[in-house]
Amino acid sequence: MMYSYFPIALTVFLMSSDPLKADDTRTESRDIKKEKLLSRIKRSPSYVRNTNYDKKWFNVLRTGIDTTREYLGNYGPLHVYIIGQESKELEDEAVKDAIIKAFCHCRHAQTKDRILGCLKGAGASLIKRARNNSTEAYLSYVDYTEPPLAELIFINPHGFDVPYLYTRGIHEYTHVFQRGFPGTPTWMTEGSAEFLAFYLGSKNEWINFERSMEESMRMVQSVEDDVSLVDFEDIEKIEKDENIKINEKAKEALFNISEGDARKINNILQSSAAVSKDITEEVIYSMASFARPKEVDEVLKLALANKFVDARNKLMDIMLNYGLSGLDIIKQIQQEILNLDLANEKKMLLMEKCGEIEFRMTEGSDEFIQLEALLSQFVLYGSK
C-alpha cells in the first residue's frame, strides 16, 4: 500500500502547488456532487506531523487508519494531522510555523484569500491547544472546496492509552467513511464508529471486544435519561473545562451556525478559546467563518431598495471580514431570503437564482461577477 505524508522537521514546509481536482480524485453522479459528499478515491491520505515528536504515535494512528481503509474502502480526499508535544517540541518556531502553514494551505488551496485568517485563527489554535496539553482526536469536514475534503486532527495522541490509540484511529476514519453518505444522526454515527473500532481492534488483538463494550455500556447507563444530544457536548461544561466565558449572544450564534450539530459546537468553541477566553458573538462568527445573519439581511434589503452599489460594497466587506468564499456567502443569502418581506413567488424565484449562481461558481465562474449578478436580480425584483 502506498502512503503519502509530509514530515515536518526544522525546515520550511513545502506544499504541492497543485490543488485537488474533482477529475482525478473522485467519480460520482451529479446528485452526490451536489450533496457535497466524500467518495471512494485512489489517492492515499496525506499526513502532516512534526518529526521531532516520537514517531511511534504516528505509526499507531496510521496503522489504525489503514486497517479501517482496508475494511471500509479508501474515502477522501483526506489530510491527517498528528501534532504533539511531550517536552518542548512545539517551542521551535520553525516547526510551529510549518505545521500551521501546511494546515492552512491544504484547507484553502482553492480559497487563497482565506489563508491569512486561517494562519491567525484555526491554524494557530492547533498549536496552542497542543502546547496546553490538550489531547484531542476529531474529524473536521471542509465542504467549501470542490471536491470537499476531510481532515483528521490528532493533538497530543500520547495522552491516549496505547491499545485504544489504535481504535481512536479506526473510530475517526469511520467518520470519514460516513461522510460518503447522506446525513446520519450524530448518536448513530458515533455509536457505529465506536462499535467498529472495538470490532477491528479486537480482530487485530489490540483490545478485548467484550471488556470494551461492557465499559462503554457502563458509561452509557451512568447518563441520566433526560440528557439530549447537545447535552453530551454541554456548553457550560466546555466553559468550565476550557476556563472560558461565553455570553448569551455567543451561545445563540453557536446554535445558529451549528444547527444542532454537537461536534461542530465543540470544534468552534475550541478554536475560539485559543483566541480569547471571553467568547463573544464576534469571536464565534469570526472563527466559524460565518457572517451574522443580520448583516446578510442588510445587504439584501439594500439591493431590494435599489441601492446596488451600497449592497455590493457591504457584501464585499462581509466576505473580507469573515474570510468567506463565494460559495459560503451564497448559502447564507439563500437562508436569509426566507426572512425577507416579499411575496412567496418572488422568494422562490430568488432561491432559484441562488441555485443557478452556486452552480456557475462550482463550474469555475468568477465568484465576484456571479455575486454581482445575483444582487442585480434582487434590485430588479425589488423594483417590480
Protein backbone atom coordinates (compact mmCIF):
# COMPACT_ATOMS: atom_id res chain seq x y z
CA MET A 1 0.00 0.00 0.00
CA MET A 2 1.35 3.44 -0.91
CA TYR A 3 1.42 6.22 1.68
CA SER A 4 1.97 9.91 1.27
CA TYR A 5 2.88 12.10 4.23
CA PHE A 6 4.68 15.34 4.84
CA PRO A 7 7.35 15.09 7.57
CA ILE A 8 7.98 18.42 9.26
CA ALA A 9 11.47 18.95 10.66
CA LEU A 10 13.27 22.24 11.33
CA THR A 11 12.98 23.36 7.73
CA VAL A 12 10.34 25.31 5.87
CA PHE A 13 7.49 23.02 4.84
CA LEU A 14 6.91 22.83 1.08
CA MET A 15 3.40 22.07 -0.14
CA SER A 16 2.35 20.84 -3.54
CA SER A 17 1.08 23.76 -5.62
CA ASP A 18 -1.40 21.53 -7.44
CA PRO A 19 -4.82 21.86 -5.75
CA LEU A 20 -7.18 18.92 -5.58
CA LYS A 21 -9.28 18.48 -8.69
CA ALA A 22 -12.57 16.68 -8.97
CA ASP A 23 -11.43 14.89 -12.15
CA ASP A 24 -8.57 12.97 -10.53
CA THR A 25 -9.94 12.36 -7.05
CA ARG A 26 -13.46 11.07 -7.36
CA THR A 27 -16.05 9.58 -9.65
CA GLU A 28 -19.60 10.45 -8.77
CA SER A 29 -23.07 11.30 -10.02
CA ARG A 30 -24.24 14.89 -10.25
CA ASP A 31 -26.61 14.28 -7.31
CA ILE A 32 -23.81 13.16 -4.97
CA LYS A 33 -21.65 16.10 -6.00
CA LYS A 34 -24.45 18.48 -5.17
CA GLU A 35 -24.75 16.98 -1.66
CA LYS A 36 -21.01 17.56 -1.08
CA LEU A 37 -20.18 14.00 -0.06
CA LEU A 38 -16.84 12.24 0.04
CA SER A 39 -16.36 9.23 -2.22
CA ARG A 40 -14.02 6.33 -2.87
CA ILE A 41 -10.80 7.51 -4.44
CA LYS A 42 -7.40 6.13 -5.43
CA ARG A 43 -5.29 8.74 -3.66
CA SER A 44 -4.00 7.69 -0.23
CA PRO A 45 -4.33 10.07 2.74
CA SER A 46 -1.63 12.71 3.18
CA TYR A 47 -0.01 13.01 6.60
CA VAL A 48 1.37 16.12 8.28
CA ARG A 49 3.33 15.67 11.51
CA ASN A 50 6.14 17.27 13.45
CA THR A 51 9.01 14.78 13.16
CA ASN A 52 10.57 15.88 16.43
CA TYR A 53 7.58 14.21 18.14
CA ASP A 54 8.01 10.48 18.86
CA LYS A 55 7.17 8.59 15.63
CA LYS A 56 5.53 5.68 17.46
CA TRP A 57 2.34 7.74 17.92
CA PHE A 58 2.22 8.37 14.18
CA ASN A 59 2.78 4.67 13.44
CA VAL A 60 -0.01 3.54 15.77
CA LEU A 61 -2.53 6.01 14.35
CA ARG A 62 -1.62 5.25 10.74
CA THR A 63 -1.98 1.53 11.42
CA GLY A 64 -5.48 2.06 12.83
CA ILE A 65 -6.49 4.30 9.91
CA ASP A 66 -5.10 1.93 7.27
CA THR A 67 -6.80 -1.07 8.90
CA THR A 68 -10.13 0.74 8.55
CA ARG A 69 -9.40 1.85 4.98
CA GLU A 70 -8.81 -1.78 4.03
CA TYR A 71 -12.10 -2.77 5.67
CA LEU A 72 -14.37 0.10 4.52
CA GLY A 73 -12.57 1.38 1.43
CA ASN A 74 -10.42 4.41 0.72
CA TYR A 75 -12.55 7.56 1.09
CA GLY A 76 -11.41 11.13 0.75
CA PRO A 77 -9.65 13.37 -0.12
CA LEU A 78 -8.20 13.07 3.40
CA HIS A 79 -5.47 15.00 5.21
CA VAL A 80 -4.29 13.67 8.59
CA TYR A 81 -2.58 15.97 11.10
CA ILE A 82 -0.64 14.48 14.02
CA ILE A 83 0.64 17.25 16.28
CA GLY A 84 2.26 16.57 19.61
CA GLN A 85 4.43 17.88 22.38
CA GLU A 86 5.79 15.67 25.16
CA SER A 87 8.54 18.07 26.19
CA LYS A 88 9.21 21.22 24.13
CA GLU A 89 8.83 20.02 20.53
CA LEU A 90 6.46 22.83 19.55
CA GLU A 91 8.51 25.59 21.13
CA ASP A 92 10.58 25.66 17.94
CA GLU A 93 9.11 28.48 15.84
CA ALA A 94 10.10 26.85 12.52
CA VAL A 95 8.24 23.65 13.42
CA LYS A 96 5.22 25.58 14.67
CA ASP A 97 5.02 27.77 11.56
CA ALA A 98 5.46 24.80 9.21
CA ILE A 99 2.52 22.94 10.75
CA ILE A 100 0.24 25.98 10.61
CA LYS A 101 1.17 26.75 7.00
CA ALA A 102 0.66 23.14 5.95
CA PHE A 103 -2.78 23.06 7.54
CA CYS A 104 -3.98 26.37 6.10
CA HIS A 105 -2.58 25.89 2.59
CA CYS A 106 -4.17 22.43 2.32
CA ARG A 107 -7.52 23.66 3.63
CA HIS A 108 -7.59 26.80 1.50
CA ALA A 109 -5.89 25.62 -1.72
CA GLN A 110 -8.98 26.85 -3.59
CA THR A 111 -9.77 29.84 -1.34
CA LYS A 112 -6.40 31.55 -1.03
CA ASP A 113 -7.99 34.78 0.24
CA ARG A 114 -8.79 32.94 3.48
CA ILE A 115 -5.27 31.69 4.20
CA LEU A 116 -4.21 34.71 6.27
CA GLY A 117 -7.23 34.39 8.54
CA CYS A 118 -6.55 30.68 8.96
CA LEU A 119 -2.91 31.26 9.91
CA LYS A 120 -4.00 33.53 12.76
CA GLY A 121 -7.11 31.57 13.71
CA ALA A 122 -7.77 27.86 13.16
CA GLY A 123 -4.13 27.04 12.33
CA ALA A 124 -2.68 28.81 15.35
CA SER A 125 -5.32 27.18 17.53
CA LEU A 126 -3.90 23.71 16.81
CA ILE A 127 -0.51 24.66 18.23
CA LYS A 128 -1.91 26.48 21.23
CA ARG A 129 -4.05 23.50 22.24
CA ALA A 130 -1.11 21.12 21.84
CA ARG A 131 1.09 23.37 23.97
CA ASN A 132 -1.66 23.50 26.59
CA ASN A 133 -1.51 19.68 26.88
CA SER A 134 -4.93 19.13 25.32
CA THR A 135 -5.49 15.59 23.98
CA GLU A 136 -7.91 15.57 21.05
CA ALA A 137 -9.00 13.46 18.08
CA TYR A 138 -11.72 14.56 15.68
CA LEU A 139 -12.88 14.88 12.09
CA SER A 140 -13.07 18.33 10.52
CA TYR A 141 -15.13 18.38 7.32
CA VAL A 142 -14.34 21.10 4.77
CA ASP A 143 -17.30 21.47 2.43
CA TYR A 144 -16.42 24.76 0.70
CA THR A 145 -13.87 23.08 -1.58
CA GLU A 146 -14.62 21.14 -4.74
CA PRO A 147 -14.44 18.27 -4.04
CA PRO A 148 -14.96 18.57 -0.28
CA LEU A 149 -12.16 17.22 1.88
CA ALA A 150 -11.80 15.59 5.27
CA GLU A 151 -9.25 16.44 7.94
CA LEU A 152 -8.43 14.11 10.84
CA ILE A 153 -6.85 16.06 13.67
CA PHE A 154 -4.89 14.29 16.40
CA ILE A 155 -3.42 16.54 19.08
CA ASN A 156 -1.08 15.02 21.67
CA PRO A 157 -2.10 11.41 20.90
CA HIS A 158 0.35 10.23 23.56
CA GLY A 159 -2.39 11.20 26.01
CA PHE A 160 -4.48 8.20 24.92
CA ASP A 161 -3.79 4.70 26.28
CA VAL A 162 -1.77 2.94 23.57
CA PRO A 163 -4.15 -0.01 22.88
CA TYR A 164 -7.02 2.44 22.48
CA LEU A 165 -4.97 4.77 20.29
CA TYR A 166 -5.32 2.13 17.56
CA THR A 167 -9.10 2.20 17.99
CA ARG A 168 -9.08 6.02 18.02
CA GLY A 169 -7.63 5.94 14.51
CA ILE A 170 -10.32 3.43 13.50
CA HIS A 171 -13.08 5.48 15.09
CA GLU A 172 -12.12 8.75 13.41
CA TYR A 173 -11.58 7.22 9.95
CA THR A 174 -15.04 5.64 10.22
CA HIS A 175 -16.40 9.19 10.35
CA VAL A 176 -14.58 9.88 7.06
CA PHE A 177 -16.35 6.87 5.53
CA GLN A 178 -19.70 8.05 6.92
CA ARG A 179 -19.25 11.36 5.11
CA GLY A 180 -19.63 9.47 1.85
CA PHE A 181 -23.34 9.02 2.55
CA PRO A 182 -26.31 11.34 3.29
CA GLY A 183 -26.62 12.77 6.79
CA THR A 184 -26.96 10.39 9.71
CA PRO A 185 -27.88 11.38 13.29
CA THR A 186 -24.83 12.05 15.48
CA TRP A 187 -25.81 9.37 18.01
CA MET A 188 -25.82 6.79 15.23
CA THR A 189 -22.53 7.85 13.61
CA GLU A 190 -20.76 7.86 16.98
CA GLY A 191 -22.22 4.53 18.07
CA SER A 192 -21.36 2.71 14.85
CA ALA A 193 -17.85 4.21 14.79
CA GLU A 194 -17.17 3.00 18.33
CA PHE A 195 -18.58 -0.46 17.63
CA LEU A 196 -16.42 -0.87 14.53
CA ALA A 197 -13.38 0.41 16.43
CA PHE A 198 -13.86 -2.29 19.08
CA TYR A 199 -14.55 -4.97 16.47
CA LEU A 200 -11.47 -4.26 14.34
CA GLY A 201 -9.38 -3.58 17.43
CA SER A 202 -10.28 -6.98 18.83
CA LYS A 203 -9.80 -8.71 15.47
CA ASN A 204 -6.23 -7.36 15.39
CA GLU A 205 -5.71 -8.28 19.07
CA TRP A 206 -5.15 -4.71 20.22
CA ILE A 207 -8.05 -4.72 22.70
CA ASN A 208 -10.64 -7.07 24.17
CA PHE A 209 -14.00 -6.57 22.45
CA GLU A 210 -16.24 -7.76 25.30
CA ARG A 211 -14.49 -5.75 28.01
CA SER A 212 -14.51 -2.64 25.82
CA MET A 213 -18.23 -2.98 25.09
CA GLU A 214 -19.02 -3.58 28.76
CA GLU A 215 -17.12 -0.43 29.72
CA SER A 216 -18.98 1.59 27.07
CA MET A 217 -22.33 0.26 28.29
CA ARG A 218 -21.40 1.15 31.87
CA MET A 219 -20.67 4.72 30.77
CA VAL A 220 -23.94 4.96 28.80
CA GLN A 221 -26.02 3.65 31.69
CA SER A 222 -24.50 6.25 34.01
CA VAL A 223 -26.03 9.02 31.87
CA GLU A 224 -29.38 10.42 33.05
CA ASP A 225 -32.44 9.54 30.97
CA ASP A 226 -33.34 13.12 30.06
CA VAL A 227 -29.96 14.01 28.55
CA SER A 228 -30.30 15.31 24.99
CA LEU A 229 -27.81 15.11 22.13
CA VAL A 230 -26.44 18.60 22.64
CA ASP A 231 -26.01 17.88 26.36
CA PHE A 232 -23.22 15.47 25.52
CA GLU A 233 -21.24 18.49 24.33
CA ASP A 234 -22.73 20.71 27.00
CA ILE A 235 -21.60 24.29 26.53
CA GLU A 236 -21.41 25.00 30.23
CA LYS A 237 -19.12 22.01 30.72
CA ILE A 238 -16.87 23.25 27.93
CA GLU A 239 -16.84 26.68 29.56
CA LYS A 240 -15.59 25.13 32.79
CA ASP A 241 -13.09 22.75 31.17
CA GLU A 242 -11.57 25.40 28.91
CA ASN A 243 -11.76 28.12 31.58
CA ILE A 244 -13.63 30.46 29.25
CA LYS A 245 -16.70 32.70 29.48
CA ILE A 246 -19.41 32.58 26.79
CA ASN A 247 -22.05 35.30 26.72
CA GLU A 248 -25.67 34.63 25.75
CA LYS A 249 -25.42 36.14 22.27
CA ALA A 250 -22.41 33.93 21.57
CA LYS A 251 -24.45 30.87 22.56
CA GLU A 252 -27.23 31.92 20.20
CA ALA A 253 -24.66 32.33 17.44
CA LEU A 254 -23.33 28.82 18.15
CA PHE A 255 -26.73 27.23 17.74
CA ASN A 256 -27.43 29.28 14.63
CA ILE A 257 -24.21 28.14 12.97
CA SER A 258 -24.15 24.53 14.15
CA GLU A 259 -27.84 23.76 13.53
CA GLY A 260 -27.69 21.39 16.50
CA ASP A 261 -24.50 19.56 15.44
CA ALA A 262 -22.79 18.99 18.80
CA ARG A 263 -19.38 18.20 17.30
CA LYS A 264 -19.42 21.45 15.33
CA ILE A 265 -20.22 23.38 18.52
CA ASN A 266 -17.28 21.74 20.25
CA ASN A 267 -14.87 22.45 17.39
CA ILE A 268 -15.89 26.12 17.13
CA LEU A 269 -15.53 26.64 20.87
CA GLN A 270 -12.10 25.01 20.96
CA SER A 271 -10.87 27.28 18.17
CA SER A 272 -12.44 30.32 19.82
CA ALA A 273 -10.85 29.51 23.18
CA ALA A 274 -7.43 29.59 21.55
CA VAL A 275 -8.04 33.21 20.55
CA SER A 276 -9.84 34.61 23.59
CA LYS A 277 -11.07 33.49 27.00
CA ASP A 278 -14.01 35.89 26.68
CA ILE A 279 -16.13 34.35 23.92
CA THR A 280 -18.39 36.89 22.26
CA GLU A 281 -20.70 36.76 19.29
CA GLU A 282 -18.00 38.41 17.17
CA VAL A 283 -15.43 35.74 18.08
CA ILE A 284 -17.84 32.90 17.26
CA TYR A 285 -18.78 34.23 13.81
CA SER A 286 -15.15 35.02 13.01
CA MET A 287 -13.79 31.60 13.98
CA ALA A 288 -16.63 29.79 12.20
CA SER A 289 -16.17 31.84 9.00
CA PHE A 290 -19.87 32.67 9.16
CA ALA A 291 -21.41 36.11 8.67
CA ARG A 292 -24.02 37.43 11.05
CA PRO A 293 -27.50 36.84 9.60
CA LYS A 294 -28.35 40.48 10.35
CA GLU A 295 -25.51 41.70 8.12
CA VAL A 296 -26.52 39.47 5.23
CA ASP A 297 -30.11 40.65 5.66
CA GLU A 298 -28.91 44.27 5.39
CA VAL A 299 -27.18 43.50 2.09
CA LEU A 300 -30.33 42.02 0.62
CA LYS A 301 -32.51 44.89 1.83
CA LEU A 302 -30.13 47.43 0.29
CA ALA A 303 -30.36 45.60 -3.04
CA LEU A 304 -34.15 45.42 -2.86
CA ALA A 305 -34.19 49.18 -2.16
CA ASN A 306 -32.37 49.75 -5.48
CA LYS A 307 -29.07 50.59 -3.73
CA PHE A 308 -26.92 48.21 -5.75
CA VAL A 309 -23.51 49.83 -5.13
CA ASP A 310 -24.09 50.02 -1.36
CA ALA A 311 -25.23 46.39 -1.29
CA ARG A 312 -22.22 45.24 -3.30
CA ASN A 313 -19.76 47.15 -1.13
CA LYS A 314 -21.26 45.81 2.09
CA LEU A 315 -21.23 42.27 0.73
CA MET A 316 -17.53 42.57 -0.17
CA ASP A 317 -16.79 43.91 3.32
CA ILE A 318 -18.58 40.96 4.91
CA MET A 319 -16.67 38.45 2.81
CA LEU A 320 -13.35 40.10 3.66
CA ASN A 321 -14.06 40.47 7.39
CA TYR A 322 -15.20 36.87 7.87
CA GLY A 323 -12.94 35.27 5.27
CA LEU A 324 -15.87 33.90 3.25
CA SER A 325 -15.76 32.42 -0.21
CA GLY A 326 -18.50 32.96 -2.76
CA LEU A 327 -19.95 29.52 -2.01
CA ASP A 328 -20.00 30.31 1.72
CA ILE A 329 -21.95 33.52 1.33
CA ILE A 330 -24.38 32.16 -1.26
CA LYS A 331 -25.59 29.61 1.31
CA GLN A 332 -26.27 32.35 3.84
CA ILE A 333 -28.04 34.52 1.26
CA GLN A 334 -30.28 31.59 0.40
CA GLN A 335 -31.18 31.15 4.10
CA GLU A 336 -31.96 34.84 4.59
CA ILE A 337 -34.27 35.04 1.56
CA LEU A 338 -36.92 33.21 3.58
CA ASN A 339 -36.95 36.03 6.15
CA LEU A 340 -37.47 38.85 3.63
CA ASP A 341 -40.74 40.77 3.41
CA LEU A 342 -41.53 39.56 -0.10
CA ALA A 343 -44.28 37.62 -1.79
CA ASN A 344 -43.66 33.88 -1.75
CA GLU A 345 -43.44 33.80 -5.55
CA LYS A 346 -40.56 36.31 -5.53
CA LYS A 347 -38.81 34.36 -2.77
CA MET A 348 -38.98 31.18 -4.86
CA LEU A 349 -37.61 32.95 -7.93
CA LEU A 350 -34.69 34.40 -5.92
CA MET A 351 -34.00 30.98 -4.39
CA GLU A 352 -33.84 29.60 -7.91
CA LYS A 353 -31.34 32.33 -8.86
CA CYS A 354 -29.18 31.35 -5.88
CA GLY A 355 -29.10 27.79 -7.16
CA GLU A 356 -28.06 28.96 -10.62
CA ILE A 357 -25.29 31.19 -9.24
CA GLU A 358 -23.96 28.43 -6.98
CA PHE A 359 -23.83 26.01 -9.93
CA ARG A 360 -21.90 28.53 -12.03
CA MET A 361 -19.41 29.03 -9.20
CA THR A 362 -18.80 25.29 -8.84
CA GLU A 363 -18.21 25.16 -12.60
CA GLY A 364 -15.45 27.76 -12.27
CA SER A 365 -17.10 31.12 -12.91
CA ASP A 366 -15.69 34.22 -11.19
CA GLU A 367 -17.47 34.38 -7.83
CA PHE A 368 -17.50 38.18 -7.57
CA ILE A 369 -19.08 38.61 -11.00
CA GLN A 370 -21.65 35.97 -10.10
CA LEU A 371 -22.48 37.63 -6.79
CA GLU A 372 -22.93 40.99 -8.51
CA ALA A 373 -25.25 39.28 -11.00
CA LEU A 374 -27.26 37.86 -8.09
CA LEU A 375 -27.53 41.25 -6.38
CA SER A 376 -28.77 42.75 -9.65
CA GLN A 377 -31.63 40.22 -9.55
CA PHE A 378 -32.59 41.45 -6.08
CA VAL A 379 -32.59 45.02 -7.40
CA LEU A 380 -34.85 44.03 -10.29
CA TYR A 381 -37.31 42.12 -8.10
CA GLY A 382 -37.34 44.94 -5.55
CA SER A 383 -38.38 47.46 -8.21
CA LYS A 384 -41.27 45.34 -9.54
